[in-house]
Amino acid sequence: MAWMNARSAALRDVPGGPHAIKVPEATLLFWIIKIAATTLGETGGDAVSMSMHLGYLVGTAIFAVIFIAAVGWQISARGFRPALYWTTIIATTTVGTTLADFADRSLGIGYTGGTSLLLTLLLASLFVWYRTLGSVSIDTVSTPRAEIFYWVTIMFSQTLGTALGDWTADSLGLGYIGAAAVFGALLALIVAAYYWTKLSHTLLFWAAFVLTRPLGAVVGDFLDKPHAAGGLALSRYSASAVLLVFIAGCIVVFPQRAASKTH
């Protein structure tokens, strides 16, 4: 039995093995692309639901189909594929944008209600994941069941980020620039905690993952909302295209590796 355990352990470290880790290391490049992807999710989601006048419900249905297809492809893939991974991330952030807007505005529960509901769902997802598999660290995302938990948790975090960004910018009256400064400062505190405290790196990773979403949301709103609302009134299509090209360029130019240690 010892040789079987050794073989299984070795396969986990082999790219494309049955238990390969298919999520990237949380490097600086990871966070740069993540923020760009969340900003794209905001401008892209608004482009479909608002600029195309399809509404939040239809927009959510369209992006939900893309999200489910992308997650299925990601889970069935052998090994880490950066383009596929970031396509799935973008799918989660676009469906998160339209879903949060539908809950907050169409269902009438408001930004506070939407934020509270989605935070509860996110914490519940992390709790069930931890109780089921014993860890929520990204270096354990190497089986289909772990990947399902991972992507469900990410979808909740992306949806929460949209509601949290709107709540901070609108309900608290900070505006897009003020809200971006708040989330940027919180992320700086997480970086400081990562290097200078003994707080769990897994906890800090998920805190940063959640906070990059509202940062991207308010930056996206700042880019495409009208001048009267405090935005730059840029075309949602143009802003989305530029962000997509930037993300694609980062993926092509800068190599990424699959996660191999706890973050």
Protein backbone atom coordinates (compact mmCIF):
# COMPACT_ATOMS: atom_id res chain seq x y z
CA MET A 1 0.00 0.00 0.00
CA ALA A 2 2.92 2.33 0.59
CA TRP A 3 3.84 2.41 -3.09
CA MET A 4 0.22 3.25 -3.98
CA ASN A 5 0.22 6.20 -1.57
CA ALA A 6 3.53 7.38 -2.98
CA ARG A 7 2.20 7.10 -6.52
CA SER A 8 -0.95 9.08 -5.60
CA ALA A 9 1.12 11.79 -3.97
CA ALA A 10 3.35 12.00 -7.01
CA LEU A 11 0.38 12.30 -9.36
CA ARG A 12 -0.89 15.31 -7.42
CA ASP A 13 2.28 17.13 -8.38
CA VAL A 14 2.30 16.12 -12.04
CA PRO A 15 0.72 18.66 -14.41
CA GLY A 16 -2.34 17.04 -15.92
CA GLY A 17 -2.50 14.26 -13.33
CA PRO A 18 -5.90 13.16 -12.02
CA HIS A 19 -5.41 15.20 -8.82
CA ALA A 20 -3.60 18.19 -10.33
CA ILE A 21 -4.22 21.58 -8.76
CA LYS A 22 -5.95 23.72 -11.37
CA VAL A 23 -5.90 27.14 -9.72
CA PRO A 24 -2.98 29.60 -9.94
CA GLU A 25 -0.55 30.75 -7.29
CA ALA A 26 -1.69 33.91 -5.54
CA THR A 27 1.13 36.08 -6.85
CA LEU A 28 1.04 39.82 -7.60
CA LEU A 29 0.10 38.97 -11.19
CA PHE A 30 -2.85 36.94 -9.91
CA TRP A 31 -4.23 39.93 -7.99
CA ILE A 32 -3.69 42.33 -10.89
CA ILE A 33 -5.62 40.09 -13.25
CA LYS A 34 -8.27 39.45 -10.58
CA ILE A 35 -8.97 43.18 -10.16
CA ALA A 36 -9.06 43.67 -13.94
CA ALA A 37 -11.43 40.69 -14.28
CA THR A 38 -13.78 42.02 -11.60
CA THR A 39 -13.80 45.44 -13.27
CA LEU A 40 -14.58 43.73 -16.58
CA GLY A 41 -17.38 41.84 -14.85
CA GLU A 42 -18.97 45.14 -13.86
CA THR A 43 -18.67 46.84 -17.24
CA GLY A 44 -19.54 43.67 -19.15
CA GLY A 45 -22.50 42.84 -16.96
CA ASP A 46 -23.83 46.40 -17.26
CA ALA A 47 -23.29 46.33 -21.03
CA VAL A 48 -25.59 43.32 -21.40
CA SER A 49 -28.23 44.25 -18.83
CA MET A 50 -28.30 48.04 -19.38
CA SER A 51 -26.72 49.04 -22.69
CA MET A 52 -28.41 46.16 -24.55
CA HIS A 53 -31.59 46.76 -22.53
CA LEU A 54 -31.98 43.06 -21.74
CA GLY A 55 -32.57 43.62 -18.04
CA TYR A 56 -30.99 42.01 -15.00
CA LEU A 57 -32.96 38.75 -15.13
CA VAL A 58 -32.18 37.98 -18.78
CA GLY A 59 -28.58 39.10 -18.28
CA THR A 60 -28.27 36.77 -15.30
CA ALA A 61 -29.71 33.87 -17.30
CA ILE A 62 -27.23 34.44 -20.15
CA PHE A 63 -24.21 34.69 -17.87
CA ALA A 64 -25.39 31.77 -15.71
CA VAL A 65 -25.31 29.49 -18.76
CA ILE A 66 -21.79 30.70 -19.59
CA PHE A 67 -20.74 30.26 -15.95
CA ILE A 68 -22.04 26.68 -15.73
CA ALA A 69 -20.39 25.76 -19.04
CA ALA A 70 -17.08 27.31 -18.00
CA VAL A 71 -17.06 25.58 -14.60
CA GLY A 72 -17.85 22.24 -16.24
CA TRP A 73 -14.99 22.72 -18.70
CA GLN A 74 -12.64 23.79 -15.92
CA ILE A 75 -13.47 20.74 -13.79
CA SER A 76 -13.07 18.34 -16.71
CA ALA A 77 -9.72 19.84 -17.78
CA ARG A 78 -6.51 18.01 -16.97
CA GLY A 79 -4.11 20.39 -15.28
CA PHE A 80 -3.99 24.14 -14.85
CA ARG A 81 -4.89 26.16 -17.95
CA PRO A 82 -4.57 29.91 -17.30
CA ALA A 83 -6.87 31.02 -20.14
CA LEU A 84 -9.60 28.61 -19.06
CA TYR A 85 -9.24 29.54 -15.39
CA TRP A 86 -9.56 33.28 -16.05
CA THR A 87 -12.43 32.74 -18.46
CA THR A 88 -14.25 31.01 -15.62
CA ILE A 89 -13.38 33.84 -13.22
CA ILE A 90 -14.77 36.40 -15.67
CA ALA A 91 -17.91 34.26 -16.00
CA THR A 92 -18.38 34.31 -12.22
CA THR A 93 -17.93 38.06 -12.00
CA THR A 94 -20.33 38.90 -14.85
CA VAL A 95 -23.08 36.65 -13.49
CA GLY A 96 -22.32 38.08 -10.04
CA THR A 97 -22.87 41.61 -11.35
CA THR A 98 -26.25 40.99 -12.94
CA LEU A 99 -27.43 38.67 -10.14
CA ALA A 100 -26.59 41.20 -7.43
CA ASP A 101 -28.26 44.00 -9.37
CA PHE A 102 -31.35 41.83 -9.88
CA ALA A 103 -31.54 41.03 -6.15
CA ASP A 104 -30.82 44.58 -5.00
CA ARG A 105 -32.96 46.49 -7.50
CA SER A 106 -35.52 44.23 -9.17
CA LEU A 107 -36.40 42.26 -6.04
CA GLY A 108 -36.24 45.42 -3.96
CA ILE A 109 -34.19 44.09 -1.04
CA GLY A 110 -31.75 46.99 -1.36
CA TYR A 111 -27.98 47.11 -1.11
CA THR A 112 -27.95 46.45 2.63
CA GLY A 113 -30.26 43.46 2.34
CA GLY A 114 -28.41 42.10 -0.66
CA THR A 115 -25.03 42.48 1.01
CA SER A 116 -26.25 40.76 4.19
CA LEU A 117 -27.84 37.87 2.29
CA LEU A 118 -24.81 37.27 0.08
CA LEU A 119 -22.37 37.50 2.99
CA THR A 120 -24.40 34.83 4.77
CA LEU A 121 -24.32 32.60 1.67
CA LEU A 122 -20.57 33.10 1.27
CA LEU A 123 -19.81 32.22 4.89
CA ALA A 124 -22.15 29.22 4.69
CA SER A 125 -20.35 27.99 1.56
CA LEU A 126 -16.94 28.28 3.24
CA PHE A 127 -18.27 26.56 6.38
CA VAL A 128 -19.78 23.61 4.50
CA TRP A 129 -16.63 23.30 2.37
CA TYR A 130 -14.43 23.23 5.46
CA ARG A 131 -16.63 20.76 7.33
CA THR A 132 -16.82 18.47 4.28
CA LEU A 133 -13.19 18.45 3.11
CA GLY A 134 -11.28 19.78 6.11
CA SER A 135 -9.68 22.77 4.36
CA VAL A 136 -10.57 25.76 2.20
CA SER A 137 -6.98 26.43 1.12
CA ILE A 138 -6.44 26.74 -2.62
CA ASP A 139 -3.65 24.16 -2.56
CA THR A 140 -6.30 21.52 -1.78
CA VAL A 141 -8.42 22.29 -4.86
CA SER A 142 -7.38 19.14 -6.69
CA THR A 143 -10.56 17.04 -6.90
CA PRO A 144 -13.91 17.65 -8.63
CA ARG A 145 -15.71 18.01 -5.29
CA ALA A 146 -13.20 20.57 -4.04
CA GLU A 147 -13.47 22.45 -7.34
CA ILE A 148 -17.25 22.61 -7.06
CA PHE A 149 -16.95 24.11 -3.58
CA TYR A 150 -14.28 26.49 -4.87
CA TRP A 151 -16.37 27.83 -7.74
CA VAL A 152 -19.60 28.08 -5.75
CA THR A 153 -17.72 30.05 -3.10
CA ILE A 154 -16.18 32.30 -5.74
CA MET A 155 -19.55 32.93 -7.35
CA PHE A 156 -21.00 34.01 -4.00
CA SER A 157 -17.96 36.23 -3.33
CA GLN A 158 -18.25 37.88 -6.75
CA THR A 159 -21.96 38.53 -6.25
CA LEU A 160 -21.36 39.86 -2.74
CA GLY A 161 -18.66 42.18 -4.08
CA THR A 162 -21.08 43.89 -6.46
CA ALA A 163 -23.64 44.49 -3.71
CA LEU A 164 -20.95 45.59 -1.25
CA GLY A 165 -19.45 48.01 -3.77
CA ASP A 166 -22.85 49.58 -4.50
CA TRP A 167 -23.66 49.79 -0.79
CA THR A 168 -20.38 51.54 -0.01
CA ALA A 169 -20.52 53.95 -2.95
CA ASP A 170 -24.25 54.75 -2.84
CA SER A 171 -25.77 53.93 0.55
CA LEU A 172 -22.79 55.25 2.52
CA GLY A 173 -22.43 58.16 0.12
CA LEU A 174 -18.70 57.70 -0.47
CA GLY A 175 -18.96 57.77 -4.25
CA TYR A 176 -16.91 55.59 -6.57
CA ILE A 177 -13.54 57.16 -5.82
CA GLY A 178 -14.15 57.18 -2.07
CA ALA A 179 -15.30 53.56 -2.10
CA ALA A 180 -12.26 52.54 -4.19
CA ALA A 181 -10.00 54.25 -1.63
CA VAL A 182 -11.68 52.34 1.22
CA PHE A 183 -11.32 48.95 -0.44
CA GLY A 184 -7.78 49.76 -1.54
CA ALA A 185 -6.87 50.63 2.06
CA LEU A 186 -8.43 47.40 3.35
CA LEU A 187 -6.44 45.39 0.82
CA ALA A 188 -3.26 47.19 1.94
CA LEU A 189 -4.02 46.12 5.51
CA ILE A 190 -4.40 42.52 4.37
CA VAL A 191 -1.01 42.71 2.62
CA ALA A 192 0.53 44.07 5.82
CA ALA A 193 -1.09 41.29 7.84
CA TYR A 194 0.25 38.71 5.37
CA TYR A 195 3.86 39.82 5.82
CA TRP A 196 3.92 41.01 9.42
CA THR A 197 1.44 38.92 11.38
CA LYS A 198 0.80 35.24 11.97
CA LEU A 199 -2.79 35.33 10.77
CA SER A 200 -3.84 32.38 8.63
CA HIS A 201 -2.77 32.92 5.03
CA THR A 202 -5.86 31.03 3.90
CA LEU A 203 -8.07 33.47 5.82
CA LEU A 204 -6.20 36.43 4.37
CA PHE A 205 -6.43 34.99 0.85
CA TRP A 206 -10.22 34.76 0.99
CA ALA A 207 -10.52 38.19 2.60
CA ALA A 208 -8.45 39.66 -0.25
CA PHE A 209 -10.39 37.66 -2.82
CA VAL A 210 -13.68 39.07 -1.54
CA LEU A 211 -12.43 42.67 -1.28
CA THR A 212 -10.95 42.80 -4.78
CA ARG A 213 -14.47 42.30 -6.15
CA PRO A 214 -16.07 45.48 -4.72
CA LEU A 215 -12.90 47.35 -5.68
CA GLY A 216 -13.38 46.21 -9.27
CA ALA A 217 -17.10 46.95 -9.06
CA VAL A 218 -16.68 50.58 -8.03
CA VAL A 219 -13.86 51.12 -10.53
CA GLY A 220 -16.08 49.66 -13.26
CA ASP A 221 -18.96 51.92 -12.21
CA PHE A 222 -16.60 54.90 -12.17
CA LEU A 223 -15.62 54.15 -15.75
CA ASP A 224 -19.09 53.71 -17.25
CA LYS A 225 -21.58 55.60 -15.09
CA PRO A 226 -22.78 59.07 -16.28
CA HIS A 227 -21.09 62.27 -15.15
CA ALA A 228 -24.12 63.19 -13.05
CA ALA A 229 -23.61 60.01 -11.01
CA GLY A 230 -19.89 60.66 -10.54
CA GLY A 231 -18.61 58.48 -13.38
CA LEU A 232 -16.58 59.08 -16.52
CA ALA A 233 -19.44 58.04 -18.86
CA LEU A 234 -17.15 55.83 -20.97
CA SER A 235 -18.64 53.31 -23.35
CA ARG A 236 -19.27 50.01 -21.56
CA TYR A 237 -18.34 48.16 -24.72
CA SER A 238 -15.04 50.00 -25.14
CA ALA A 239 -14.11 49.71 -21.47
CA SER A 240 -14.89 45.98 -21.51
CA ALA A 241 -12.85 45.46 -24.68
CA VAL A 242 -9.81 47.27 -23.25
CA LEU A 243 -9.99 45.27 -20.03
CA LEU A 244 -10.35 42.00 -21.94
CA VAL A 245 -7.30 42.81 -24.08
CA PHE A 246 -5.32 43.71 -20.94
CA ILE A 247 -6.23 40.41 -19.25
CA ALA A 248 -5.43 38.40 -22.37
CA GLY A 249 -2.08 40.20 -22.66
CA CYS A 250 -1.19 39.38 -19.06
CA ILE A 251 -2.03 35.71 -19.62
CA VAL A 252 0.02 35.49 -22.81
CA VAL A 253 3.06 37.51 -21.72
CA PHE A 254 3.46 36.47 -18.09
CA PRO A 255 3.63 32.76 -17.17
CA GLN A 256 1.53 31.46 -14.30
CA ARG A 257 1.94 28.29 -12.29
CA ALA A 258 -0.58 26.19 -10.45
CA ALA A 259 -0.74 26.69 -6.70
CA SER A 260 1.65 24.46 -4.81
CA LYS A 261 1.58 25.80 -1.28
CA THR A 262 -0.88 27.23 1.21
CA HIS A 263 -1.69 30.92 0.78
